[in-house]
Amino acid sequence: REVGPNWVSLPQWFKQHNYTALATGKTYHPNLPPRWDQPLSWSADRPYVFAENGYPPCDRKDSLQNSMVCPSAHPDSWYADHSDASATIADLEYALRAKKRFFLVYGAHRPHLPWNVPQRFWEIY
């Protein structure tokens, strides 16, 4: 770490105390620290997952006029938070099978501009 090289992050503390530390998504700001603070903060048991398409731009045909809101017909699997949540569930299942103490983190990308959301959720409200 360039900033705070001697600091101990929360997941690093758990890892140092014999927990399996697993994570997916936006647990840190991208590249701050580099490589999601691996290998300091996260166990090597499972890969750190940061899904692509975390902040998809609004497609002008889907967006509401003059806004950053764009309800979309894309399937849930198109959104990074869905992919990261699925990976988190897999990590949880892994940790439970391992029968060891674990620290598990899910970092959601949303809410974040642009408000690119599934149409069905937009219609509820």
Foldseek 3Di string as FASTA:
>chain_A
DVPPPPDQDPLLVCVVVPAQEAEEAPPDPDVVPHPSPPPRRHDPPDDHYHDPPAAPAADVVQADPPAQAGADQDDPVNHRLSVRVVVQVVVVVVRVVVPTHHHYYYDHSPPDTSNYHHNVVVVVD
